[in-house]
Amino acid sequence: MAAVNERNGDAYVGCYEFMPSTDFPTGIKLTIRREGDQLVGRAVGKNVLQGTFDIYAESETDFFLPIVGAQFVFIRNNLGQVTAVILRRAGLTDHEGKKLKNDRPSVSGVGQQSLRSG
């Protein structure tokens, strides 16, 4: 597993908006924050579970959520800034969430739910 530190972990911190889809009819608002060397997420939308979830690094751009067997792939622009995240999960279509500009979560995070388990 790759390590997340203050320098690289803060690049992923923020709010991401996923448009409505068949899997997530109301879309998803995903908030990611860093707690030490751990990324923590929280999602709001229909077909998602309650609570926060830990996000584990596999590489500099690939992360996984063992609780639901999902993967996040972060997208960077030509300046190296994270601009989006792709949610991948077996049996579902890939979903891209755009990072919202100047929308950084508080220490406690926002939202009420996490990704669905099945």
PDB file of N, CA and C in Angstrom:
ATOM      1  N   MET A   1       0.836  -1.183   0.000  1.00  0.00           N
ATOM      2  CA  MET A   1       0.000   0.000   0.000  1.00  0.00           C
ATOM      3  C   MET A   1       0.881   1.246   0.000  1.00  0.00           C
ATOM      4  N   ALA A   2       0.496   2.233  -0.783  1.00  0.00           N
ATOM      5  CA  ALA A   2       1.217   3.494  -0.844  1.00  0.00           C
ATOM      6  C   ALA A   2       0.821   4.366   0.343  1.00  0.00           C
ATOM      7  N   ALA A   3       1.738   5.235   0.752  1.00  0.00           N
ATOM      8  CA  ALA A   3       1.472   6.109   1.895  1.00  0.00           C
ATOM      9  C   ALA A   3       0.862   7.422   1.426  1.00  0.00           C
ATOM     10  N   VAL A   4      -0.001   7.972   2.252  1.00  0.00           N
ATOM     11  CA  VAL A   4      -0.564   9.301   2.020  1.00  0.00           C
ATOM     12  C   VAL A   4       0.051  10.207   3.068  1.00  0.00           C
ATOM     13  N   ASN A   5       0.642  11.314   2.625  1.00  0.00           N
ATOM     14  CA  ASN A   5       1.202  12.255   3.583  1.00  0.00           C
ATOM     15  C   ASN A   5       0.588  13.627   3.340  1.00  0.00           C
ATOM     16  N   GLU A   6       0.998  14.598   4.141  1.00  0.00           N
ATOM     17  CA  GLU A   6       0.398  15.931   4.048  1.00  0.00           C
ATOM     18  C   GLU A   6       0.571  16.520   2.658  1.00  0.00           C
ATOM     19  N   ARG A   7       1.756  16.352   2.075  1.00  0.00           N
ATOM     20  CA  ARG A   7       2.032  16.950   0.768  1.00  0.00           C
ATOM     21  C   ARG A   7       1.143  16.361  -0.330  1.00  0.00           C
ATOM     22  N   ASN A   8       1.095  15.029  -0.426  1.00  0.00           N
ATOM     23  CA  ASN A   8       0.299  14.447  -1.506  1.00  0.00           C
ATOM     24  C   ASN A   8      -1.157  14.228  -1.111  1.00  0.00           C
ATOM     25  N   GLY A   9      -1.438  13.999   0.162  1.00  0.00           N
ATOM     26  CA  GLY A   9      -2.808  13.753   0.600  1.00  0.00           C
ATOM     27  C   GLY A   9      -3.716  14.947   0.444  1.00  0.00           C
ATOM     28  N   ASP A  10      -3.195  16.133   0.645  1.00  0.00           N
ATOM     29  CA  ASP A  10      -4.024  17.332   0.539  1.00  0.00           C
ATOM     30  C   ASP A  10      -4.513  17.577  -0.892  1.00  0.00           C
ATOM     31  N   ALA A  11      -3.827  17.026  -1.883  1.00  0.00           N
ATOM     32  CA  ALA A  11      -4.256  17.196  -3.275  1.00  0.00           C
ATOM     33  C   ALA A  11      -5.626  16.559  -3.515  1.00  0.00           C
ATOM     34  N   TYR A  12      -5.966  15.508  -2.774  1.00  0.00           N
ATOM     35  CA  TYR A  12      -7.223  14.791  -2.966  1.00  0.00           C
ATOM     36  C   TYR A  12      -8.367  15.368  -2.129  1.00  0.00           C
ATOM     37  N   VAL A  13      -8.025  16.157  -1.126  1.00  0.00           N
ATOM     38  CA  VAL A  13      -9.017  16.705  -0.206  1.00  0.00           C
ATOM     39  C   VAL A  13      -9.935  17.675  -0.935  1.00  0.00           C
ATOM     40  N   GLY A  14     -11.229  17.527  -0.686  1.00  0.00           N
ATOM     41  CA  GLY A  14     -12.197  18.429  -1.284  1.00  0.00           C
ATOM     42  C   GLY A  14     -13.522  17.734  -1.495  1.00  0.00           C
ATOM     43  N   CYS A  15     -14.394  18.406  -2.232  1.00  0.00           N
ATOM     44  CA  CYS A  15     -15.723  17.872  -2.536  1.00  0.00           C
ATOM     45  C   CYS A  15     -15.810  17.570  -4.026  1.00  0.00           C
ATOM     46  N   TYR A  16     -16.422  16.438  -4.331  1.00  0.00           N
ATOM     47  CA  TYR A  16     -16.569  15.967  -5.701  1.00  0.00           C
ATOM     48  C   TYR A  16     -18.055  15.754  -5.973  1.00  0.00           C
ATOM     49  N   GLU A  17     -18.486  16.159  -7.157  1.00  0.00           N
ATOM     50  CA  GLU A  17     -19.886  16.026  -7.508  1.00  0.00           C
ATOM     51  C   GLU A  17     -20.045  15.048  -8.677  1.00  0.00           C
ATOM     52  N   PHE A  18     -20.870  14.010  -8.447  1.00  0.00           N
ATOM     53  CA  PHE A  18     -21.188  13.007  -9.456  1.00  0.00           C
ATOM     54  C   PHE A  18     -22.599  13.300  -9.958  1.00  0.00           C
ATOM     55  N   MET A  19     -22.778  13.324 -11.256  1.00  0.00           N
ATOM     56  CA  MET A  19     -24.087  13.586 -11.844  1.00  0.00           C
ATOM     57  C   MET A  19     -25.007  12.378 -11.624  1.00  0.00           C
ATOM     58  N   PRO A  20     -26.318  12.592 -11.649  1.00  0.00           N
ATOM     59  CA  PRO A  20     -27.257  11.473 -11.513  1.00  0.00           C
ATOM     60  C   PRO A  20     -27.040  10.418 -12.600  1.00  0.00           C
ATOM     61  N   SER A  21     -27.292   9.156 -12.230  1.00  0.00           N
ATOM     62  CA  SER A  21     -27.135   8.028 -13.148  1.00  0.00           C
ATOM     63  C   SER A  21     -28.129   6.949 -12.739  1.00  0.00           C
ATOM     64  N   THR A  22     -28.152   5.875 -13.483  1.00  0.00           N
ATOM     65  CA  THR A  22     -29.023   4.750 -13.135  1.00  0.00           C
ATOM     66  C   THR A  22     -28.659   4.192 -11.763  1.00  0.00           C
ATOM     67  N   ASP A  23     -27.355   4.074 -11.474  1.00  0.00           N
ATOM     68  CA  ASP A  23     -26.900   3.537 -10.190  1.00  0.00           C
ATOM     69  C   ASP A  23     -27.145   4.504  -9.037  1.00  0.00           C
ATOM     70  N   PHE A  24     -27.006   5.782  -9.301  1.00  0.00           N
ATOM     71  CA  PHE A  24     -27.139   6.817  -8.271  1.00  0.00           C
ATOM     72  C   PHE A  24     -28.069   7.913  -8.807  1.00  0.00           C
ATOM     73  N   PRO A  25     -29.401   7.698  -8.716  1.00  0.00           N
ATOM     74  CA  PRO A  25     -30.371   8.584  -9.368  1.00  0.00           C
ATOM     75  C   PRO A  25     -30.330  10.041  -8.926  1.00  0.00           C
ATOM     76  N   THR A  26     -29.864  10.317  -7.723  1.00  0.00           N
ATOM     77  CA  THR A  26     -29.771  11.709  -7.268  1.00  0.00           C
ATOM     78  C   THR A  26     -28.349  12.254  -7.391  1.00  0.00           C
ATOM     79  N   GLY A  27     -27.456  11.449  -7.975  1.00  0.00           N
ATOM     80  CA  GLY A  27     -26.051  11.831  -8.018  1.00  0.00           C
ATOM     81  C   GLY A  27     -25.414  11.585  -6.660  1.00  0.00           C
ATOM     82  N   ILE A  28     -24.155  11.955  -6.537  1.00  0.00           N
ATOM     83  CA  ILE A  28     -23.432  11.795  -5.272  1.00  0.00           C
ATOM     84  C   ILE A  28     -22.630  13.061  -5.027  1.00  0.00           C
ATOM     85  N   LYS A  29     -22.608  13.494  -3.797  1.00  0.00           N
ATOM     86  CA  LYS A  29     -21.656  14.519  -3.370  1.00  0.00           C
ATOM     87  C   LYS A  29     -20.700  13.816  -2.415  1.00  0.00           C
ATOM     88  N   LEU A  30     -19.465  13.691  -2.843  1.00  0.00           N
ATOM     89  CA  LEU A  30     -18.420  12.989  -2.091  1.00  0.00           C
ATOM     90  C   LEU A  30     -17.481  14.007  -1.463  1.00  0.00           C
ATOM     91  N   THR A  31     -17.266  13.889  -0.175  1.00  0.00           N
ATOM     92  CA  THR A  31     -16.322  14.748   0.533  1.00  0.00           C
ATOM     93  C   THR A  31     -15.157  13.891   1.000  1.00  0.00           C
ATOM     94  N   ILE A  32     -13.944  14.334   0.694  1.00  0.00           N
ATOM     95  CA  ILE A  32     -12.739  13.633   1.127  1.00  0.00           C
ATOM     96  C   ILE A  32     -11.920  14.581   1.986  1.00  0.00           C
ATOM     97  N   ARG A  33     -11.502  14.076   3.137  1.00  0.00           N
ATOM     98  CA  ARG A  33     -10.623  14.846   4.026  1.00  0.00           C
ATOM     99  C   ARG A  33      -9.459  13.946   4.430  1.00  0.00           C
ATOM    100  N   ARG A  34      -8.417  14.557   4.964  1.00  0.00           N
ATOM    101  CA  ARG A  34      -7.249  13.806   5.415  1.00  0.00           C
ATOM    102  C   ARG A  34      -7.188  13.852   6.925  1.00  0.00           C
ATOM    103  N   GLU A  35      -7.009  12.691   7.533  1.00  0.00           N
ATOM    104  CA  GLU A  35      -6.783  12.581   8.978  1.00  0.00           C
ATOM    105  C   GLU A  35      -5.427  11.921   9.154  1.00  0.00           C
ATOM    106  N   GLY A  36      -4.403  12.743   9.386  1.00  0.00           N
ATOM    107  CA  GLY A  36      -3.042  12.223   9.466  1.00  0.00           C
ATOM    108  C   GLY A  36      -2.628  11.684   8.111  1.00  0.00           C
ATOM    109  N   ASP A  37      -2.259  10.397   8.060  1.00  0.00           N
ATOM    110  CA  ASP A  37      -1.865   9.790   6.789  1.00  0.00           C
ATOM    111  C   ASP A  37      -2.990   8.960   6.178  1.00  0.00           C
ATOM    112  N   GLN A  38      -4.220   9.213   6.603  1.00  0.00           N
ATOM    113  CA  GLN A  38      -5.374   8.457   6.115  1.00  0.00           C
ATOM    114  C   GLN A  38      -6.372   9.388   5.429  1.00  0.00           C
ATOM    115  N   LEU A  39      -6.833   9.005   4.238  1.00  0.00           N
ATOM    116  CA  LEU A  39      -7.933   9.730   3.607  1.00  0.00           C
ATOM    117  C   LEU A  39      -9.235   9.124   4.098  1.00  0.00           C
ATOM    118  N   VAL A  40     -10.206   9.987   4.362  1.00  0.00           N
ATOM    119  CA  VAL A  40     -11.520   9.574   4.858  1.00  0.00           C
ATOM    120  C   VAL A  40     -12.573  10.216   3.959  1.00  0.00           C
ATOM    121  N   GLY A  41     -13.550   9.412   3.562  1.00  0.00           N
ATOM    122  CA  GLY A  41     -14.603   9.915   2.688  1.00  0.00           C
ATOM    123  C   GLY A  41     -15.967   9.821   3.323  1.00  0.00           C
ATOM    124  N   ARG A  42     -16.869  10.606   2.769  1.00  0.00           N
ATOM    125  CA  ARG A  42     -18.274  10.579   3.161  1.00  0.00           C
ATOM    126  C   ARG A  42     -19.066  10.995   1.928  1.00  0.00           C
ATOM    127  N   ALA A  43     -20.101  10.222   1.608  1.00  0.00           N
ATOM    128  CA  ALA A  43     -20.883  10.503   0.405  1.00  0.00           C
ATOM    129  C   ALA A  43     -22.344  10.727   0.776  1.00  0.00           C
ATOM    130  N   VAL A  44     -23.002  11.575  -0.009  1.00  0.00           N
ATOM    131  CA  VAL A  44     -24.422  11.849   0.166  1.00  0.00           C
ATOM    132  C   VAL A  44     -25.103  11.605  -1.173  1.00  0.00           C
ATOM    133  N   GLY A  45     -26.209  10.863  -1.143  1.00  0.00           N
ATOM    134  CA  GLY A  45     -26.976  10.589  -2.349  1.00  0.00           C
ATOM    135  C   GLY A  45     -27.814   9.342  -2.146  1.00  0.00           C
ATOM    136  N   LYS A  46     -28.673   9.057  -3.096  1.00  0.00           N
ATOM    137  CA  LYS A  46     -29.503   7.863  -3.025  1.00  0.00           C
ATOM    138  C   LYS A  46     -28.655   6.638  -3.362  1.00  0.00           C
ATOM    139  N   ASN A  47     -28.937   5.517  -2.706  1.00  0.00           N
ATOM    140  CA  ASN A  47     -28.219   4.250  -2.886  1.00  0.00           C
ATOM    141  C   ASN A  47     -26.818   4.274  -2.284  1.00  0.00           C
ATOM    142  N   VAL A  48     -26.636   4.999  -1.200  1.00  0.00           N
ATOM    143  CA  VAL A  48     -25.355   5.007  -0.484  1.00  0.00           C
ATOM    144  C   VAL A  48     -25.586   4.625   0.978  1.00  0.00           C
ATOM    145  N   LEU A  49     -24.564   4.106   1.626  1.00  0.00           N
ATOM    146  CA  LEU A  49     -24.642   3.707   3.034  1.00  0.00           C
ATOM    147  C   LEU A  49     -24.379   4.882   3.958  1.00  0.00           C
ATOM    148  N   GLN A  50     -24.754   4.731   5.212  1.00  0.00           N
ATOM    149  CA  GLN A  50     -24.506   5.736   6.249  1.00  0.00           C
ATOM    150  C   GLN A  50     -23.047   5.695   6.702  1.00  0.00           C
ATOM    151  N   GLY A  51     -22.515   6.833   7.103  1.00  0.00           N
ATOM    152  CA  GLY A  51     -21.228   6.880   7.779  1.00  0.00           C
ATOM    153  C   GLY A  51     -20.051   7.254   6.905  1.00  0.00           C
ATOM    154  N   THR A  52     -18.898   7.335   7.548  1.00  0.00           N
ATOM    155  CA  THR A  52     -17.652   7.653   6.855  1.00  0.00           C
ATOM    156  C   THR A  52     -16.935   6.360   6.492  1.00  0.00           C
ATOM    157  N   PHE A  53     -15.958   6.466   5.599  1.00  0.00           N
ATOM    158  CA  PHE A  53     -15.185   5.296   5.186  1.00  0.00           C
ATOM    159  C   PHE A  53     -13.739   5.694   4.952  1.00  0.00           C
ATOM    160  N   ASP A  54     -12.833   4.785   5.268  1.00  0.00           N
ATOM    161  CA  ASP A  54     -11.408   4.992   5.009  1.00  0.00           C
ATOM    162  C   ASP A  54     -11.117   4.681   3.552  1.00  0.00           C
ATOM    163  N   ILE A  55     -10.235   5.473   2.966  1.00  0.00           N
ATOM    164  CA  ILE A  55      -9.813   5.306   1.580  1.00  0.00           C
ATOM    165  C   ILE A  55      -8.325   4.981   1.603  1.00  0.00           C
ATOM    166  N   TYR A  56      -7.952   3.852   1.009  1.00  0.00           N
ATOM    167  CA  TYR A  56      -6.577   3.367   1.068  1.00  0.00           C
ATOM    168  C   TYR A  56      -5.871   3.542  -0.265  1.00  0.00           C
ATOM    169  N   ALA A  57      -4.612   4.006  -0.217  1.00  0.00           N
ATOM    170  CA  ALA A  57      -3.831   4.245  -1.431  1.00  0.00           C
ATOM    171  C   ALA A  57      -3.194   2.955  -1.936  1.00  0.00           C
ATOM    172  N   GLU A  58      -3.328   2.734  -3.250  1.00  0.00           N
ATOM    173  CA  GLU A  58      -2.592   1.665  -3.931  1.00  0.00           C
ATOM    174  C   GLU A  58      -1.416   2.257  -4.689  1.00  0.00           C
ATOM    175  N   SER A  59      -1.596   3.469  -5.184  1.00  0.00           N
ATOM    176  CA  SER A  59      -0.561   4.199  -5.906  1.00  0.00           C
ATOM    177  C   SER A  59      -0.860   5.683  -5.734  1.00  0.00           C
ATOM    178  N   GLU A  60      -0.160   6.516  -6.475  1.00  0.00           N
ATOM    179  CA  GLU A  60      -0.381   7.956  -6.351  1.00  0.00           C
ATOM    180  C   GLU A  60      -1.766   8.377  -6.845  1.00  0.00           C
ATOM    181  N   THR A  61      -2.369   7.615  -7.746  1.00  0.00           N
ATOM    182  CA  THR A  61      -3.685   7.990  -8.276  1.00  0.00           C
ATOM    183  C   THR A  61      -4.775   6.969  -7.980  1.00  0.00           C
ATOM    184  N   ASP A  62      -4.412   5.753  -7.626  1.00  0.00           N
ATOM    185  CA  ASP A  62      -5.397   4.681  -7.409  1.00  0.00           C
ATOM    186  C   ASP A  62      -5.577   4.396  -5.924  1.00  0.00           C
ATOM    187  N   PHE A  63      -6.852   4.403  -5.501  1.00  0.00           N
ATOM    188  CA  PHE A  63      -7.206   4.181  -4.106  1.00  0.00           C
ATOM    189  C   PHE A  63      -8.338   3.168  -4.059  1.00  0.00           C
ATOM    190  N   PHE A  64      -8.520   2.511  -2.909  1.00  0.00           N
ATOM    191  CA  PHE A  64      -9.595   1.537  -2.816  1.00  0.00           C
ATOM    192  C   PHE A  64     -10.334   1.648  -1.503  1.00  0.00           C
ATOM    193  N   LEU A  65     -11.561   1.127  -1.525  1.00  0.00           N
ATOM    194  CA  LEU A  65     -12.453   1.102  -0.367  1.00  0.00           C
ATOM    195  C   LEU A  65     -12.802  -0.363  -0.121  1.00  0.00           C
ATOM    196  N   PRO A  66     -12.096  -1.034   0.767  1.00  0.00           N
ATOM    197  CA  PRO A  66     -12.349  -2.465   0.963  1.00  0.00           C
ATOM    198  C   PRO A  66     -13.755  -2.766   1.473  1.00  0.00           C
ATOM    199  N   ILE A  67     -14.376  -1.835   2.150  1.00  0.00           N
ATOM    200  CA  ILE A  67     -15.702  -2.076   2.722  1.00  0.00           C
ATOM    201  C   ILE A  67     -16.744  -2.376   1.644  1.00  0.00           C
ATOM    202  N   VAL A  68     -16.581  -1.813   0.434  1.00  0.00           N
ATOM    203  CA  VAL A  68     -17.537  -2.059  -0.647  1.00  0.00           C
ATOM    204  C   VAL A  68     -16.876  -2.592  -1.917  1.00  0.00           C
ATOM    205  N   GLY A  69     -15.572  -2.837  -1.859  1.00  0.00           N
ATOM    206  CA  GLY A  69     -14.882  -3.345  -3.035  1.00  0.00           C
ATOM    207  C   GLY A  69     -14.815  -2.353  -4.180  1.00  0.00           C
ATOM    208  N   ALA A  70     -14.774  -1.083  -3.869  1.00  0.00           N
ATOM    209  CA  ALA A  70     -14.737  -0.038  -4.894  1.00  0.00           C
ATOM    210  C   ALA A  70     -13.331   0.532  -5.032  1.00  0.00           C
ATOM    211  N   GLN A  71     -13.101   1.194  -6.154  1.00  0.00           N
ATOM    212  CA  GLN A  71     -11.818   1.840  -6.416  1.00  0.00           C
ATOM    213  C   GLN A  71     -12.073   3.285  -6.819  1.00  0.00           C
ATOM    214  N   PHE A  72     -11.206   4.188  -6.354  1.00  0.00           N
ATOM    215  CA  PHE A  72     -11.201   5.578  -6.795  1.00  0.00           C
ATOM    216  C   PHE A  72      -9.932   5.785  -7.607  1.00  0.00           C
ATOM    217  N   VAL A  73     -10.070   6.360  -8.786  1.00  0.00           N
ATOM    218  CA  VAL A  73      -8.920   6.740  -9.604  1.00  0.00           C
ATOM    219  C   VAL A  73      -8.984   8.255  -9.761  1.00  0.00           C
ATOM    220  N   PHE A  74      -7.994   8.947  -9.208  1.00  0.00           N
ATOM    221  CA  PHE A  74      -7.974  10.403  -9.255  1.00  0.00           C
ATOM    222  C   PHE A  74      -7.344  10.868 -10.556  1.00  0.00           C
ATOM    223  N   ILE A  75      -7.941  11.904 -11.144  1.00  0.00           N
ATOM    224  CA  ILE A  75      -7.508  12.468 -12.414  1.00  0.00           C
ATOM    225  C   ILE A  75      -6.826  13.805 -12.138  1.00  0.00           C
ATOM    226  N   ARG A  76      -5.650  13.998 -12.745  1.00  0.00           N
ATOM    227  CA  ARG A  76      -4.911  15.262 -12.600  1.00  0.00           C
ATOM    228  C   ARG A  76      -4.866  15.992 -13.939  1.00  0.00           C
ATOM    229  N   ASN A  77      -4.832  17.328 -13.874  1.00  0.00           N
ATOM    230  CA  ASN A  77      -4.682  18.130 -15.089  1.00  0.00           C
ATOM    231  C   ASN A  77      -3.194  18.262 -15.428  1.00  0.00           C
ATOM    232  N   ASN A  78      -2.876  19.033 -16.455  1.00  0.00           N
ATOM    233  CA  ASN A  78      -1.480  19.167 -16.875  1.00  0.00           C
ATOM    234  C   ASN A  78      -0.619  19.926 -15.867  1.00  0.00           C
ATOM    235  N   LEU A  79      -1.233  20.561 -14.864  1.00  0.00           N
ATOM    236  CA  LEU A  79      -0.493  21.233 -13.793  1.00  0.00           C
ATOM    237  C   LEU A  79      -0.312  20.327 -12.575  1.00  0.00           C
ATOM    238  N   GLY A  80      -0.838  19.101 -12.660  1.00  0.00           N
ATOM    239  CA  GLY A  80      -0.730  18.160 -11.553  1.00  0.00           C
ATOM    240  C   GLY A  80      -1.809  18.298 -10.492  1.00  0.00           C
ATOM    241  N   GLN A  81      -2.802  19.147 -10.727  1.00  0.00           N
ATOM    242  CA  GLN A  81      -3.886  19.348  -9.766  1.00  0.00           C
ATOM    243  C   GLN A  81      -4.957  18.278  -9.959  1.00  0.00           C
ATOM    244  N   VAL A  82      -5.481  17.752  -8.857  1.00  0.00           N
ATOM    245  CA  VAL A  82      -6.570  16.788  -8.935  1.00  0.00           C
ATOM    246  C   VAL A  82      -7.839  17.533  -9.336  1.00  0.00           C
ATOM    247  N   THR A  83      -8.478  17.076 -10.416  1.00  0.00           N
ATOM    248  CA  THR A  83      -9.666  17.750 -10.938  1.00  0.00           C
ATOM    249  C   THR A  83     -10.913  16.872 -10.924  1.00  0.00           C
ATOM    250  N   ALA A  84     -10.711  15.553 -10.738  1.00  0.00           N
ATOM    251  CA  ALA A  84     -11.858  14.644 -10.781  1.00  0.00           C
ATOM    252  C   ALA A  84     -11.450  13.307 -10.169  1.00  0.00           C
ATOM    253  N   VAL A  85     -12.455  12.478  -9.928  1.00  0.00           N
ATOM    254  CA  VAL A  85     -12.220  11.116  -9.446  1.00  0.00           C
ATOM    255  C   VAL A  85     -13.195  10.193 -10.171  1.00  0.00           C
ATOM    256  N   ILE A  86     -12.701   9.026 -10.542  1.00  0.00           N
ATOM    257  CA  ILE A  86     -13.560   8.014 -11.161  1.00  0.00           C
ATOM    258  C   ILE A  86     -13.833   6.939 -10.119  1.00  0.00           C
ATOM    259  N   LEU A  87     -15.103   6.635  -9.924  1.00  0.00           N
ATOM    260  CA  LEU A  87     -15.541   5.573  -9.018  1.00  0.00           C
ATOM    261  C   LEU A  87     -15.745   4.317  -9.848  1.00  0.00           C
ATOM    262  N   ARG A  88     -15.026   3.249  -9.493  1.00  0.00           N
ATOM    263  CA  ARG A  88     -15.158   1.964 -10.184  1.00  0.00           C
ATOM    264  C   ARG A  88     -15.594   0.913  -9.179  1.00  0.00           C
ATOM    265  N   ARG A  89     -16.574   0.132  -9.614  1.00  0.00           N
ATOM    266  CA  ARG A  89     -17.050  -0.967  -8.777  1.00  0.00           C
ATOM    267  C   ARG A  89     -17.585  -2.056  -9.679  1.00  0.00           C
ATOM    268  N   ALA A  90     -17.218  -3.290  -9.398  1.00  0.00           N
ATOM    269  CA  ALA A  90     -17.653  -4.420 -10.212  1.00  0.00           C
ATOM    270  C   ALA A  90     -19.170  -4.424 -10.328  1.00  0.00           C
ATOM    271  N   GLY A  91     -19.656  -4.611 -11.545  1.00  0.00           N
ATOM    272  CA  GLY A  91     -21.093  -4.669 -11.774  1.00  0.00           C
ATOM    273  C   GLY A  91     -21.744  -3.325 -12.015  1.00  0.00           C
ATOM    274  N   LEU A  92     -21.004  -2.235 -11.823  1.00  0.00           N
ATOM    275  CA  LEU A  92     -21.544  -0.890 -12.052  1.00  0.00           C
ATOM    276  C   LEU A  92     -20.753  -0.194 -13.152  1.00  0.00           C
ATOM    277  N   THR A  93     -21.377   0.766 -13.788  1.00  0.00           N
ATOM    278  CA  THR A  93     -20.699   1.621 -14.749  1.00  0.00           C
ATOM    279  C   THR A  93     -19.736   2.531 -13.990  1.00  0.00           C
ATOM    280  N   ASP A  94     -18.592   2.884 -14.594  1.00  0.00           N
ATOM    281  CA  ASP A  94     -17.702   3.869 -13.985  1.00  0.00           C
ATOM    282  C   ASP A  94     -18.436   5.203 -13.886  1.00  0.00           C
ATOM    283  N   HIS A  95     -18.198   5.911 -12.786  1.00  0.00           N
ATOM    284  CA  HIS A  95     -18.821   7.215 -12.563  1.00  0.00           C
ATOM    285  C   HIS A  95     -17.719   8.228 -12.281  1.00  0.00           C
ATOM    286  N   GLU A  96     -17.778   9.377 -12.969  1.00  0.00           N
ATOM    287  CA  GLU A  96     -16.779  10.426 -12.756  1.00  0.00           C
ATOM    288  C   GLU A  96     -17.373  11.565 -11.953  1.00  0.00           C
ATOM    289  N   GLY A  97     -16.659  11.940 -10.894  1.00  0.00           N
ATOM    290  CA  GLY A  97     -17.054  13.075 -10.072  1.00  0.00           C
ATOM    291  C   GLY A  97     -16.078  14.212 -10.266  1.00  0.00           C
ATOM    292  N   LYS A  98     -16.600  15.378 -10.576  1.00  0.00           N
ATOM    293  CA  LYS A  98     -15.766  16.568 -10.772  1.00  0.00           C
ATOM    294  C   LYS A  98     -15.461  17.215  -9.422  1.00  0.00           C
ATOM    295  N   LYS A  99     -14.208  17.588  -9.225  1.00  0.00           N
ATOM    296  CA  LYS A  99     -13.827  18.277  -7.996  1.00  0.00           C
ATOM    297  C   LYS A  99     -14.358  19.703  -8.045  1.00  0.00           C
ATOM    298  N   LEU A 100     -15.054  20.087  -6.991  1.00  0.00           N
ATOM    299  CA  LEU A 100     -15.613  21.435  -6.917  1.00  0.00           C
ATOM    300  C   LEU A 100     -14.523  22.396  -6.469  1.00  0.00           C
ATOM    301  N   LYS A 101     -14.395  23.500  -7.144  1.00  0.00           N
ATOM    302  CA  LYS A 101     -13.350  24.475  -6.823  1.00  0.00           C
ATOM    303  C   LYS A 101     -13.662  25.186  -5.514  1.00  0.00           C
ATOM    304  N   ASN A 102     -12.602  25.433  -4.736  1.00  0.00           N
ATOM    305  CA  ASN A 102     -12.715  26.194  -3.488  1.00  0.00           C
ATOM    306  C   ASN A 102     -13.759  25.644  -2.534  1.00  0.00           C
ATOM    307  N   ASP A 103     -13.948  24.344  -2.526  1.00  0.00           N
ATOM    308  CA  ASP A 103     -14.922  23.710  -1.639  1.00  0.00           C
ATOM    309  C   ASP A 103     -14.195  22.663  -0.806  1.00  0.00           C
ATOM    310  N   ARG A 104     -13.505  23.101   0.230  1.00  0.00           N
ATOM    311  CA  ARG A 104     -12.730  22.195   1.066  1.00  0.00           C
ATOM    312  C   ARG A 104     -13.543  21.820   2.293  1.00  0.00           C
ATOM    313  N   PRO A 105     -13.524  20.548   2.664  1.00  0.00           N
ATOM    314  CA  PRO A 105     -14.303  20.110   3.824  1.00  0.00           C
ATOM    315  C   PRO A 105     -13.703  20.601   5.128  1.00  0.00           C
ATOM    316  N   SER A 106     -14.545  20.676   6.133  1.00  0.00           N
ATOM    317  CA  SER A 106     -14.074  21.003   7.473  1.00  0.00           C
ATOM    318  C   SER A 106     -13.360  19.792   8.051  1.00  0.00           C
ATOM    319  N   VAL A 107     -12.777  19.937   9.207  1.00  0.00           N
ATOM    320  CA  VAL A 107     -12.081  18.839   9.861  1.00  0.00           C
ATOM    321  C   VAL A 107     -13.030  17.675  10.102  1.00  0.00           C
ATOM    322  N   SER A 108     -14.264  17.961  10.452  1.00  0.00           N
ATOM    323  CA  SER A 108     -15.227  16.889  10.725  1.00  0.00           C
ATOM    324  C   SER A 108     -15.890  16.365   9.471  1.00  0.00           C
ATOM    325  N   GLY A 109     -15.703  17.027   8.311  1.00  0.00           N
ATOM    326  CA  GLY A 109     -16.311  16.586   7.063  1.00  0.00           C
ATOM    327  C   GLY A 109     -17.756  17.038   6.970  1.00  0.00           C
ATOM    328  N   VAL A 110     -18.368  16.756   5.838  1.00  0.00           N
ATOM    329  CA  VAL A 110     -19.771  17.069   5.622  1.00  0.00           C
ATOM    330  C   VAL A 110     -20.459  15.862   5.022  1.00  0.00           C
ATOM    331  N   GLY A 111     -21.768  15.881   5.026  1.00  0.00           N
ATOM    332  CA  GLY A 111     -22.525  14.790   4.435  1.00  0.00           C
ATOM    333  C   GLY A 111     -22.939  13.799   5.484  1.00  0.00           C
ATOM    334  N   GLN A 112     -23.728  12.828   5.060  1.00  0.00           N
ATOM    335  CA  GLN A 112     -24.302  11.903   6.009  1.00  0.00           C
ATOM    336  C   GLN A 112     -24.068  10.437   5.671  1.00  0.00           C
ATOM    337  N   GLN A 113     -23.549  10.121   4.472  1.00  0.00           N
ATOM    338  CA  GLN A 113     -23.572   8.728   4.057  1.00  0.00           C
ATOM    339  C   GLN A 113     -22.307   8.342   3.314  1.00  0.00           C
ATOM    340  N   SER A 114     -22.090   7.027   3.167  1.00  0.00           N
ATOM    341  CA  SER A 114     -20.968   6.507   2.394  1.00  0.00           C
ATOM    342  C   SER A 114     -21.499   5.645   1.267  1.00  0.00           C
ATOM    343  N   LEU A 115     -20.623   5.164   0.423  1.00  0.00           N
ATOM    344  CA  LEU A 115     -21.017   4.397  -0.742  1.00  0.00           C
ATOM    345  C   LEU A 115     -21.776   3.129  -0.377  1.00  0.00           C
ATOM    346  N   ARG A 116     -22.679   2.732  -1.246  1.00  0.00           N
ATOM    347  CA  ARG A 116     -23.489   1.552  -0.978  1.00  0.00           C
ATOM    348  C   ARG A 116     -22.652   0.288  -1.012  1.00  0.00           C
ATOM    349  N   SER A 117     -23.117  -0.729  -0.330  1.00  0.00           N
ATOM    350  CA  SER A 117     -22.370  -1.970  -0.259  1.00  0.00           C
ATOM    351  C   SER A 117     -22.864  -3.005  -1.243  1.00  0.00           C
ATOM    352  N   GLY A 118     -23.960  -2.823  -1.829  1.00  0.00           N
ATOM    353  CA  GLY A 118     -24.379  -3.837  -2.759  1.00  0.00           C
ATOM    354  C   GLY A 118     -25.633  -3.495  -3.358  1.00  0.00           C
TER     355      GLY A 118
END
